[in-house]
């Protein structure tokens, strides 16, 4: 299921960027790409959504749910059988008898509503700044060359010369490592994200 972008064309315009009618569709693509980059770095969808996911249930009573914050859980199954008596606490499910029987992990299927009801203003601004940077670069060189990130380290006018750095970035949409770490820490995303269906 595709999620809506974390920011809209109207959000960009509210921040002072004029969007020509012929640019609206393209800017929509930039907003989708920027939103995907922010979500990937955070390790969670950020926007509120409902997902069904499959997790490994261990012998203990706690099952940590990915994609915080968890708003509600509507269904839980273990190895294809409905589970009752669980409680949702601090983005985890608690079950008195634990999540596995017979010493082997179980396959727990959870349907949960998670994410934030409204995207925080700072993330809307971040997505807008990323999309605006891509648009400005594209406008500067409409032949498509403006879509490539350029890390200019020095520039000279007499006998024109320019020196580019090697930041390793391919596009303006790539987030720097410090920002990726901040988003992961803020939203509890980690090294792995469970696939949501």
N, C-alpha and C. Protein backbone atom coordinates (compact mmCIF):
# COMPACT_ATOMS: atom_id res chain seq x y z
N UNK A 1 0.84 -1.17 0.00
CA UNK A 1 0.00 0.00 0.00
C UNK A 1 0.89 1.24 0.00
N UNK A 2 0.64 2.12 -0.94
CA UNK A 2 1.42 3.35 -1.02
C UNK A 2 0.87 4.38 -0.05
N UNK A 3 1.75 5.01 0.66
CA UNK A 3 1.37 6.06 1.60
C UNK A 3 1.42 7.41 0.90
N UNK A 4 0.59 8.33 1.36
CA UNK A 4 0.64 9.69 0.82
C UNK A 4 1.97 10.33 1.20
N UNK A 5 2.47 11.26 0.38
CA UNK A 5 3.69 11.97 0.75
C UNK A 5 3.53 12.67 2.09
N UNK A 6 4.64 12.89 2.77
CA UNK A 6 4.64 13.56 4.07
C UNK A 6 4.39 15.06 3.94
N UNK A 7 4.47 15.59 2.74
CA UNK A 7 4.20 17.01 2.47
C UNK A 7 3.51 17.12 1.12
N UNK A 8 2.87 18.24 0.90
CA UNK A 8 2.11 18.46 -0.34
C UNK A 8 2.64 19.67 -1.10
N UNK A 9 2.16 19.82 -2.31
CA UNK A 9 2.50 21.01 -3.10
C UNK A 9 2.05 22.26 -2.35
N UNK A 10 0.90 22.20 -1.70
CA UNK A 10 0.41 23.35 -0.92
C UNK A 10 1.38 23.68 0.21
N UNK A 11 1.99 22.66 0.82
CA UNK A 11 2.98 22.91 1.88
C UNK A 11 4.19 23.65 1.31
N UNK A 12 4.62 23.27 0.11
CA UNK A 12 5.74 23.96 -0.54
C UNK A 12 5.38 25.42 -0.82
N UNK A 13 4.19 25.63 -1.34
CA UNK A 13 3.76 26.99 -1.67
C UNK A 13 3.61 27.83 -0.40
N UNK A 14 3.18 27.21 0.69
CA UNK A 14 3.05 27.94 1.96
C UNK A 14 4.41 28.39 2.47
N UNK A 15 5.47 27.74 2.02
CA UNK A 15 6.83 28.10 2.42
C UNK A 15 7.48 29.05 1.41
N UNK A 16 6.67 29.59 0.48
CA UNK A 16 7.16 30.63 -0.42
C UNK A 16 7.66 30.17 -1.77
N UNK A 17 7.54 28.89 -2.09
CA UNK A 17 8.02 28.42 -3.39
C UNK A 17 6.86 28.42 -4.38
N UNK A 18 6.98 29.20 -5.44
CA UNK A 18 5.94 29.26 -6.47
C UNK A 18 6.10 28.06 -7.40
N UNK A 19 5.02 27.34 -7.58
CA UNK A 19 5.02 26.16 -8.44
C UNK A 19 4.16 26.48 -9.65
N UNK A 20 4.75 26.38 -10.84
CA UNK A 20 4.01 26.62 -12.07
C UNK A 20 3.07 25.44 -12.32
N UNK A 21 1.94 25.67 -12.97
CA UNK A 21 0.98 24.57 -13.21
C UNK A 21 1.62 23.37 -13.90
N UNK A 22 2.55 23.61 -14.81
CA UNK A 22 3.19 22.49 -15.52
C UNK A 22 4.20 21.75 -14.65
N UNK A 23 4.53 22.29 -13.48
CA UNK A 23 5.48 21.63 -12.57
C UNK A 23 4.81 20.80 -11.48
N UNK A 24 3.50 20.93 -11.33
CA UNK A 24 2.80 20.30 -10.21
C UNK A 24 3.02 18.79 -10.18
N UNK A 25 2.85 18.11 -11.30
CA UNK A 25 3.01 16.65 -11.32
C UNK A 25 4.44 16.26 -10.97
N UNK A 26 5.41 16.97 -11.52
CA UNK A 26 6.81 16.67 -11.26
C UNK A 26 7.16 16.93 -9.79
N UNK A 27 6.66 18.01 -9.24
CA UNK A 27 6.90 18.31 -7.83
C UNK A 27 6.27 17.24 -6.95
N UNK A 28 5.12 16.72 -7.36
CA UNK A 28 4.50 15.61 -6.63
C UNK A 28 5.41 14.40 -6.57
N UNK A 29 6.11 14.12 -7.66
CA UNK A 29 7.07 13.01 -7.69
C UNK A 29 8.23 13.30 -6.73
N UNK A 30 8.73 14.52 -6.74
CA UNK A 30 9.84 14.88 -5.83
C UNK A 30 9.41 14.74 -4.37
N UNK A 31 8.17 15.13 -4.06
CA UNK A 31 7.66 15.00 -2.69
C UNK A 31 7.53 13.53 -2.28
N UNK A 32 7.10 12.68 -3.22
CA UNK A 32 7.01 11.24 -2.94
C UNK A 32 8.40 10.65 -2.68
N UNK A 33 9.37 11.03 -3.51
CA UNK A 33 10.73 10.52 -3.34
C UNK A 33 11.35 10.99 -2.04
N UNK A 34 11.16 12.26 -1.72
CA UNK A 34 11.70 12.80 -0.47
C UNK A 34 11.04 12.13 0.73
N UNK A 35 9.74 11.90 0.65
CA UNK A 35 9.01 11.23 1.73
C UNK A 35 9.53 9.81 1.93
N UNK A 36 9.76 9.11 0.83
CA UNK A 36 10.28 7.74 0.91
C UNK A 36 11.66 7.73 1.57
N UNK A 37 12.49 8.70 1.25
CA UNK A 37 13.83 8.77 1.85
C UNK A 37 13.75 9.02 3.35
N UNK A 38 12.85 9.90 3.77
CA UNK A 38 12.69 10.21 5.20
C UNK A 38 12.14 9.00 5.93
N UNK A 39 11.14 8.34 5.35
CA UNK A 39 10.57 7.14 5.98
C UNK A 39 11.60 6.02 6.09
N UNK A 40 12.38 5.84 5.06
CA UNK A 40 13.40 4.79 5.08
C UNK A 40 14.42 5.06 6.17
N UNK A 41 14.82 6.31 6.31
CA UNK A 41 15.79 6.66 7.35
C UNK A 41 15.19 6.50 8.75
N UNK A 42 13.91 6.83 8.90
CA UNK A 42 13.24 6.69 10.20
C UNK A 42 12.98 5.23 10.54
N UNK A 43 12.85 4.38 9.52
CA UNK A 43 12.58 2.97 9.75
C UNK A 43 11.12 2.67 10.04
N UNK A 44 10.25 3.67 9.87
CA UNK A 44 8.82 3.52 10.12
C UNK A 44 8.05 4.34 9.09
N UNK A 45 6.75 4.05 8.92
CA UNK A 45 5.95 4.82 7.95
C UNK A 45 5.73 6.28 8.33
N UNK A 46 5.85 6.65 9.59
CA UNK A 46 5.60 7.99 10.15
C UNK A 46 4.11 8.34 10.10
N UNK A 47 3.49 8.35 8.92
CA UNK A 47 2.06 8.63 8.81
C UNK A 47 1.26 7.48 9.38
N UNK A 48 0.11 7.79 9.95
CA UNK A 48 -0.74 6.74 10.50
C UNK A 48 -1.26 5.84 9.39
N UNK A 49 -1.17 4.54 9.60
CA UNK A 49 -1.62 3.55 8.64
C UNK A 49 -1.97 2.27 9.38
N UNK A 50 -2.66 1.39 8.71
CA UNK A 50 -2.96 0.08 9.28
C UNK A 50 -2.18 -0.96 8.49
N UNK A 51 -1.47 -1.83 9.20
CA UNK A 51 -0.63 -2.84 8.58
C UNK A 51 -0.89 -4.20 9.21
N UNK A 52 -0.73 -5.22 8.40
CA UNK A 52 -0.71 -6.59 8.91
C UNK A 52 0.70 -7.09 8.70
N UNK A 53 1.30 -7.57 9.77
CA UNK A 53 2.68 -8.01 9.69
C UNK A 53 2.87 -9.33 10.42
N UNK A 54 3.92 -10.03 10.06
CA UNK A 54 4.23 -11.32 10.65
C UNK A 54 5.53 -11.19 11.42
N UNK A 55 5.50 -11.61 12.69
CA UNK A 55 6.65 -11.51 13.58
C UNK A 55 6.96 -12.87 14.18
N UNK A 56 8.17 -13.01 14.67
CA UNK A 56 8.55 -14.24 15.36
C UNK A 56 8.23 -14.10 16.84
N UNK A 57 7.42 -15.01 17.35
CA UNK A 57 7.05 -14.98 18.76
C UNK A 57 7.95 -15.89 19.57
N UNK A 58 8.61 -15.30 20.57
CA UNK A 58 9.52 -16.07 21.42
C UNK A 58 8.78 -16.56 22.65
N UNK A 59 9.48 -17.27 23.52
CA UNK A 59 8.86 -17.88 24.70
C UNK A 59 8.41 -16.85 25.73
N UNK A 60 9.00 -15.67 25.75
CA UNK A 60 8.67 -14.66 26.75
C UNK A 60 7.30 -14.05 26.54
N UNK A 61 6.82 -13.29 27.52
CA UNK A 61 5.49 -12.70 27.43
C UNK A 61 5.41 -11.44 26.57
N UNK A 62 6.54 -10.83 26.21
CA UNK A 62 6.53 -9.56 25.48
C UNK A 62 6.85 -9.75 24.02
N UNK A 63 6.13 -9.05 23.15
CA UNK A 63 6.36 -9.03 21.72
C UNK A 63 6.42 -7.58 21.29
N UNK A 64 7.60 -7.12 20.89
CA UNK A 64 7.77 -5.73 20.47
C UNK A 64 7.23 -5.56 19.05
N UNK A 65 6.39 -4.55 18.87
CA UNK A 65 5.79 -4.28 17.57
C UNK A 65 6.58 -3.19 16.84
N UNK A 66 6.90 -3.41 15.58
CA UNK A 66 7.62 -2.39 14.83
C UNK A 66 6.69 -1.29 14.34
N UNK A 67 7.27 -0.16 13.96
CA UNK A 67 6.49 0.94 13.39
C UNK A 67 5.85 1.85 14.40
N UNK A 68 6.51 2.12 15.54
CA UNK A 68 5.88 2.96 16.55
C UNK A 68 5.59 4.37 16.03
N UNK A 69 4.69 5.06 16.67
CA UNK A 69 3.90 4.64 17.82
C UNK A 69 2.73 3.75 17.39
N UNK A 70 2.45 2.73 18.19
CA UNK A 70 1.34 1.83 17.92
C UNK A 70 0.09 2.45 18.54
N UNK A 71 -0.91 2.71 17.72
CA UNK A 71 -2.15 3.33 18.20
C UNK A 71 -3.12 2.27 18.73
N UNK A 72 -3.24 1.15 17.99
CA UNK A 72 -4.15 0.08 18.40
C UNK A 72 -3.78 -1.20 17.66
N UNK A 73 -4.25 -2.32 18.20
CA UNK A 73 -4.09 -3.63 17.57
C UNK A 73 -5.48 -4.22 17.45
N UNK A 74 -5.86 -4.66 16.24
CA UNK A 74 -7.21 -5.17 16.03
C UNK A 74 -7.28 -6.68 15.96
N UNK A 75 -6.18 -7.35 15.63
CA UNK A 75 -6.21 -8.81 15.53
C UNK A 75 -4.82 -9.37 15.78
N UNK A 76 -4.78 -10.52 16.45
CA UNK A 76 -3.52 -11.22 16.71
C UNK A 76 -3.76 -12.71 16.51
N UNK A 77 -2.87 -13.34 15.76
CA UNK A 77 -2.90 -14.79 15.58
C UNK A 77 -1.51 -15.34 15.84
N UNK A 78 -1.45 -16.55 16.37
CA UNK A 78 -0.18 -17.26 16.54
C UNK A 78 -0.31 -18.59 15.82
N UNK A 79 0.58 -18.81 14.87
CA UNK A 79 0.54 -20.03 14.05
C UNK A 79 -0.85 -20.28 13.47
N UNK A 80 -1.49 -19.20 13.01
CA UNK A 80 -2.79 -19.30 12.34
C UNK A 80 -3.99 -19.36 13.26
N UNK A 81 -3.79 -19.37 14.56
CA UNK A 81 -4.90 -19.45 15.51
C UNK A 81 -5.09 -18.10 16.21
N UNK A 82 -6.35 -17.65 16.37
CA UNK A 82 -6.59 -16.38 17.08
C UNK A 82 -6.05 -16.42 18.50
N UNK A 83 -5.49 -15.29 18.92
CA UNK A 83 -4.96 -15.16 20.28
C UNK A 83 -5.80 -14.13 21.02
N UNK A 84 -6.19 -14.48 22.25
CA UNK A 84 -6.93 -13.55 23.09
C UNK A 84 -6.17 -13.36 24.39
N UNK A 85 -6.54 -12.39 25.15
CA UNK A 85 -5.92 -12.16 26.45
C UNK A 85 -4.64 -11.34 26.40
N UNK A 86 -4.26 -10.86 25.24
CA UNK A 86 -3.07 -10.03 25.12
C UNK A 86 -3.41 -8.59 25.53
N UNK A 87 -2.38 -7.86 25.86
CA UNK A 87 -2.54 -6.44 26.19
C UNK A 87 -1.47 -5.64 25.46
N UNK A 88 -1.86 -4.47 24.99
CA UNK A 88 -0.93 -3.55 24.32
C UNK A 88 -0.38 -2.58 25.35
N UNK A 89 0.94 -2.58 25.50
CA UNK A 89 1.61 -1.69 26.44
C UNK A 89 2.92 -1.19 25.82
N UNK A 90 3.06 0.12 25.72
CA UNK A 90 4.32 0.75 25.28
C UNK A 90 4.86 0.13 24.00
N UNK A 91 4.00 0.04 22.98
CA UNK A 91 4.39 -0.48 21.67
C UNK A 91 4.77 -1.96 21.70
N UNK A 92 4.31 -2.67 22.72
CA UNK A 92 4.57 -4.11 22.83
C UNK A 92 3.28 -4.82 23.21
N UNK A 93 3.18 -6.08 22.78
CA UNK A 93 2.07 -6.92 23.20
C UNK A 93 2.55 -7.81 24.33
N UNK A 94 1.69 -7.95 25.34
CA UNK A 94 1.99 -8.82 26.48
C UNK A 94 0.99 -9.96 26.46
N UNK A 95 1.48 -11.18 26.63
CA UNK A 95 0.64 -12.36 26.71
C UNK A 95 1.16 -13.21 27.86
N UNK A 96 0.31 -13.49 28.82
CA UNK A 96 0.73 -14.17 30.05
C UNK A 96 1.51 -15.45 29.80
N UNK A 97 1.07 -16.29 28.90
CA UNK A 97 1.73 -17.58 28.67
C UNK A 97 2.89 -17.52 27.69
N UNK A 98 3.23 -16.34 27.20
CA UNK A 98 4.31 -16.22 26.22
C UNK A 98 3.80 -16.45 24.80
N UNK A 99 4.67 -16.24 23.85
CA UNK A 99 4.29 -16.26 22.44
C UNK A 99 4.66 -17.55 21.71
N UNK A 100 5.22 -18.52 22.40
CA UNK A 100 5.52 -19.79 21.74
C UNK A 100 5.22 -20.94 22.68
N UNK A 101 4.95 -22.07 22.10
CA UNK A 101 4.73 -23.28 22.89
C UNK A 101 5.66 -24.37 22.36
N UNK A 102 6.01 -25.27 23.21
CA UNK A 102 6.86 -26.38 22.78
C UNK A 102 8.30 -25.99 22.54
N UNK A 103 8.71 -24.82 22.98
CA UNK A 103 10.10 -24.41 22.85
C UNK A 103 10.49 -23.84 21.50
N UNK A 104 9.59 -23.85 20.53
CA UNK A 104 9.91 -23.30 19.21
C UNK A 104 9.22 -21.95 19.03
N UNK A 105 9.84 -21.04 18.31
CA UNK A 105 9.20 -19.74 18.06
C UNK A 105 7.91 -19.94 17.26
N UNK A 106 6.94 -19.09 17.52
CA UNK A 106 5.70 -19.13 16.76
C UNK A 106 5.73 -18.02 15.71
N UNK A 107 4.81 -18.12 14.76
CA UNK A 107 4.63 -17.08 13.76
C UNK A 107 3.42 -16.27 14.18
N UNK A 108 3.66 -15.03 14.59
CA UNK A 108 2.59 -14.18 15.11
C UNK A 108 2.21 -13.16 14.03
N UNK A 109 0.93 -13.15 13.68
CA UNK A 109 0.40 -12.20 12.71
C UNK A 109 -0.38 -11.14 13.48
N UNK A 110 -0.02 -9.88 13.27
CA UNK A 110 -0.62 -8.77 14.00
C UNK A 110 -1.16 -7.75 12.99
N UNK A 111 -2.39 -7.31 13.21
CA UNK A 111 -2.94 -6.19 12.44
C UNK A 111 -2.99 -5.00 13.39
N UNK A 112 -2.25 -3.96 13.03
CA UNK A 112 -2.11 -2.81 13.92
C UNK A 112 -2.29 -1.50 13.17
N UNK A 113 -2.78 -0.51 13.90
CA UNK A 113 -2.80 0.86 13.40
C UNK A 113 -1.65 1.56 14.12
N UNK A 114 -0.78 2.17 13.32
CA UNK A 114 0.43 2.76 13.89
C UNK A 114 0.83 4.00 13.11
N UNK A 115 1.73 4.76 13.69
CA UNK A 115 2.17 6.00 13.08
C UNK A 115 1.48 7.18 13.74
N UNK A 116 1.77 8.34 13.22
CA UNK A 116 1.25 9.58 13.79
C UNK A 116 0.01 10.06 13.01
N UNK A 117 -1.02 10.51 13.71
CA UNK A 117 -2.21 11.02 13.02
C UNK A 117 -1.91 12.23 12.14
N UNK A 118 -0.95 13.05 12.54
CA UNK A 118 -0.53 14.22 11.75
C UNK A 118 0.99 14.22 11.65
N UNK A 119 1.49 14.54 10.48
CA UNK A 119 2.94 14.59 10.27
C UNK A 119 3.49 15.81 11.00
N UNK A 120 4.53 15.64 11.82
CA UNK A 120 5.10 16.79 12.54
C UNK A 120 5.58 17.87 11.56
N UNK A 121 5.43 19.12 11.96
CA UNK A 121 5.77 20.26 11.10
C UNK A 121 7.22 20.23 10.66
N UNK A 122 8.14 19.79 11.53
CA UNK A 122 9.54 19.77 11.12
C UNK A 122 9.80 18.76 10.01
N UNK A 123 9.05 17.65 9.99
CA UNK A 123 9.23 16.68 8.92
C UNK A 123 8.59 17.15 7.62
N UNK A 124 7.45 17.86 7.73
CA UNK A 124 6.85 18.46 6.54
C UNK A 124 7.86 19.44 5.94
N UNK A 125 8.48 20.26 6.80
CA UNK A 125 9.49 21.21 6.32
C UNK A 125 10.69 20.53 5.70
N UNK A 126 11.16 19.44 6.30
CA UNK A 126 12.30 18.71 5.75
C UNK A 126 11.99 18.17 4.36
N UNK A 127 10.84 17.54 4.21
CA UNK A 127 10.45 17.00 2.90
C UNK A 127 10.30 18.13 1.89
N UNK A 128 9.74 19.25 2.31
CA UNK A 128 9.61 20.41 1.41
C UNK A 128 10.98 20.93 0.97
N UNK A 129 11.92 21.03 1.92
CA UNK A 129 13.26 21.53 1.57
C UNK A 129 13.96 20.60 0.59
N UNK A 130 13.81 19.30 0.78
CA UNK A 130 14.44 18.35 -0.14
C UNK A 130 13.83 18.49 -1.53
N UNK A 131 12.50 18.49 -1.61
CA UNK A 131 11.83 18.61 -2.91
C UNK A 131 12.15 19.95 -3.57
N UNK A 132 12.20 21.02 -2.78
CA UNK A 132 12.53 22.34 -3.33
C UNK A 132 13.95 22.36 -3.89
N UNK A 133 14.89 21.73 -3.19
CA UNK A 133 16.27 21.70 -3.68
C UNK A 133 16.35 20.99 -5.02
N UNK A 134 15.63 19.89 -5.16
CA UNK A 134 15.63 19.17 -6.44
C UNK A 134 15.00 20.03 -7.52
N UNK A 135 13.90 20.70 -7.21
CA UNK A 135 13.23 21.55 -8.19
C UNK A 135 14.12 22.72 -8.61
N UNK A 136 14.77 23.35 -7.66
CA UNK A 136 15.65 24.48 -7.99
C UNK A 136 16.80 24.03 -8.89
N UNK A 137 17.37 22.87 -8.58
CA UNK A 137 18.46 22.37 -9.44
C UNK A 137 17.94 22.03 -10.84
N UNK A 138 16.76 21.46 -10.92
CA UNK A 138 16.18 21.15 -12.22
C UNK A 138 15.91 22.42 -13.01
N UNK A 139 15.36 23.43 -12.34
CA UNK A 139 15.09 24.70 -13.03
C UNK A 139 16.38 25.35 -13.53
N UNK A 140 17.47 25.18 -12.80
CA UNK A 140 18.75 25.78 -13.19
C UNK A 140 19.29 25.16 -14.47
N UNK A 141 19.01 23.88 -14.66
CA UNK A 141 19.48 23.19 -15.86
C UNK A 141 18.37 22.26 -16.33
N UNK A 142 17.41 22.81 -17.09
CA UNK A 142 16.22 22.06 -17.47
C UNK A 142 16.48 20.88 -18.40
N UNK A 143 17.70 20.70 -18.87
CA UNK A 143 17.99 19.56 -19.73
C UNK A 143 18.10 18.25 -18.95
N UNK A 144 17.90 18.30 -17.64
CA UNK A 144 17.98 17.11 -16.81
C UNK A 144 19.25 17.01 -16.01
N UNK A 145 20.29 17.75 -16.41
CA UNK A 145 21.55 17.71 -15.69
C UNK A 145 21.40 18.25 -14.27
N UNK A 146 20.42 19.12 -14.08
CA UNK A 146 20.20 19.71 -12.77
C UNK A 146 19.71 18.72 -11.73
N UNK A 147 19.30 17.52 -12.15
CA UNK A 147 18.84 16.52 -11.19
C UNK A 147 20.00 15.81 -10.50
N UNK A 148 21.21 15.93 -11.03
CA UNK A 148 22.37 15.29 -10.41
C UNK A 148 22.93 16.21 -9.33
N UNK A 149 23.23 15.65 -8.18
CA UNK A 149 23.80 16.45 -7.08
C UNK A 149 25.22 16.85 -7.44
N UNK A 150 25.56 18.08 -7.12
CA UNK A 150 26.91 18.56 -7.36
C UNK A 150 27.43 19.18 -6.08
N UNK A 151 28.55 18.68 -5.64
CA UNK A 151 29.19 19.17 -4.43
C UNK A 151 30.33 20.09 -4.87
N UNK A 152 30.01 21.38 -5.04
CA UNK A 152 31.02 22.32 -5.52
C UNK A 152 31.89 22.75 -4.35
N UNK A 153 33.20 22.51 -4.46
CA UNK A 153 34.14 22.86 -3.40
C UNK A 153 34.82 24.20 -3.67
N UNK A 154 35.05 24.52 -4.94
CA UNK A 154 35.64 25.82 -5.27
C UNK A 154 35.24 26.18 -6.69
N UNK A 155 35.27 27.49 -6.96
CA UNK A 155 34.90 27.98 -8.27
C UNK A 155 35.71 29.24 -8.55
N UNK A 156 36.21 29.40 -9.77
CA UNK A 156 36.99 30.58 -10.13
C UNK A 156 36.38 31.14 -11.40
N UNK A 157 36.35 32.44 -11.57
CA UNK A 157 35.71 33.05 -12.73
C UNK A 157 36.71 33.29 -13.86
N UNK A 158 37.87 33.93 -13.59
CA UNK A 158 38.87 34.15 -14.63
C UNK A 158 39.39 32.82 -15.16
N UNK A 159 39.28 32.58 -16.47
CA UNK A 159 39.59 31.29 -17.07
C UNK A 159 38.79 30.20 -16.35
N UNK A 160 37.52 30.38 -16.31
CA UNK A 160 36.54 29.59 -15.56
C UNK A 160 37.05 28.21 -15.14
N UNK A 161 36.93 27.90 -13.86
CA UNK A 161 37.28 26.59 -13.32
C UNK A 161 36.33 26.28 -12.17
N UNK A 162 36.03 25.04 -11.97
CA UNK A 162 35.19 24.61 -10.87
C UNK A 162 35.74 23.28 -10.34
N UNK A 163 35.71 23.11 -9.04
CA UNK A 163 36.17 21.87 -8.44
C UNK A 163 35.01 21.24 -7.68
N UNK A 164 34.73 20.00 -7.99
CA UNK A 164 33.65 19.28 -7.32
C UNK A 164 34.24 18.34 -6.28
N UNK A 165 33.55 18.25 -5.16
CA UNK A 165 33.94 17.31 -4.12
C UNK A 165 33.37 15.94 -4.41
N UNK A 166 33.78 14.97 -3.64
CA UNK A 166 33.26 13.63 -3.81
C UNK A 166 32.52 13.24 -2.54
N UNK A 167 31.29 13.76 -2.40
CA UNK A 167 30.51 13.46 -1.20
C UNK A 167 29.84 12.10 -1.30
N UNK A 168 29.86 11.50 -2.48
CA UNK A 168 29.23 10.22 -2.67
C UNK A 168 27.74 10.31 -2.93
N UNK A 169 27.18 11.51 -2.88
CA UNK A 169 25.76 11.68 -3.12
C UNK A 169 25.46 11.62 -4.61
N UNK A 170 24.34 11.05 -4.93
CA UNK A 170 23.91 10.97 -6.32
C UNK A 170 22.83 12.02 -6.59
N UNK A 171 21.95 12.25 -5.62
CA UNK A 171 20.87 13.22 -5.78
C UNK A 171 20.71 14.04 -4.50
N UNK A 172 19.93 15.09 -4.61
CA UNK A 172 19.62 15.93 -3.45
C UNK A 172 18.72 15.19 -2.46
N UNK A 173 18.11 14.10 -2.88
CA UNK A 173 17.16 13.39 -2.03
C UNK A 173 17.87 12.50 -1.01
N UNK A 174 19.12 12.18 -1.25
CA UNK A 174 19.86 11.36 -0.29
C UNK A 174 20.11 12.14 0.99
N UNK A 175 19.77 11.54 2.11
CA UNK A 175 19.92 12.20 3.40
C UNK A 175 21.32 11.96 3.96
N UNK A 176 21.91 12.97 4.58
CA UNK A 176 23.22 12.78 5.21
C UNK A 176 23.11 11.81 6.40
N UNK A 177 24.21 11.18 6.72
CA UNK A 177 24.22 10.15 7.76
C UNK A 177 23.72 10.68 9.11
N UNK A 178 24.12 11.90 9.50
CA UNK A 178 23.68 12.42 10.80
C UNK A 178 22.16 12.53 10.87
N UNK A 179 21.53 12.92 9.76
CA UNK A 179 20.08 13.06 9.73
C UNK A 179 19.40 11.70 9.76
N UNK A 180 19.99 10.73 9.07
CA UNK A 180 19.46 9.37 9.10
C UNK A 180 19.48 8.83 10.53
N UNK A 181 20.57 9.08 11.23
CA UNK A 181 20.70 8.61 12.61
C UNK A 181 19.69 9.30 13.53
N UNK A 182 19.48 10.59 13.34
CA UNK A 182 18.50 11.33 14.15
C UNK A 182 17.08 10.80 13.93
N UNK A 183 16.73 10.54 12.68
CA UNK A 183 15.39 10.03 12.38
C UNK A 183 15.19 8.63 12.95
N UNK A 184 16.20 7.79 12.82
CA UNK A 184 16.10 6.43 13.37
C UNK A 184 15.95 6.47 14.88
N UNK A 185 16.70 7.34 15.55
CA UNK A 185 16.61 7.45 17.01
C UNK A 185 15.25 8.02 17.43
N UNK A 186 14.76 8.98 16.70
CA UNK A 186 13.48 9.63 17.04
C UNK A 186 12.29 8.69 16.92
N UNK A 187 12.31 7.85 15.87
CA UNK A 187 11.16 7.01 15.61
C UNK A 187 11.37 5.55 15.99
N UNK A 188 12.49 5.25 16.56
CA UNK A 188 12.71 3.87 17.03
C UNK A 188 13.04 2.91 15.91
N UNK A 189 13.29 3.43 14.72
CA UNK A 189 13.69 2.55 13.63
C UNK A 189 15.09 2.07 13.90
N UNK A 190 15.39 0.92 13.44
CA UNK A 190 16.72 0.37 13.71
C UNK A 190 17.35 -0.15 12.46
N UNK A 191 18.17 -1.16 12.62
CA UNK A 191 18.89 -1.71 11.49
C UNK A 191 17.99 -2.52 10.59
N UNK A 192 16.84 -2.94 11.10
CA UNK A 192 15.94 -3.72 10.25
C UNK A 192 14.52 -3.24 10.44
N UNK A 193 13.74 -3.34 9.39
CA UNK A 193 12.33 -2.95 9.45
C UNK A 193 11.51 -4.11 8.94
N UNK A 194 10.49 -4.49 9.67
CA UNK A 194 9.63 -5.57 9.25
C UNK A 194 8.83 -5.12 8.04
N UNK A 195 8.61 -6.02 7.11
CA UNK A 195 7.85 -5.69 5.93
C UNK A 195 6.37 -5.61 6.27
N UNK A 196 5.73 -4.49 5.92
CA UNK A 196 4.32 -4.28 6.20
C UNK A 196 3.53 -4.67 4.97
N UNK A 197 2.37 -5.29 5.19
CA UNK A 197 1.52 -5.66 4.07
C UNK A 197 0.26 -4.84 4.09
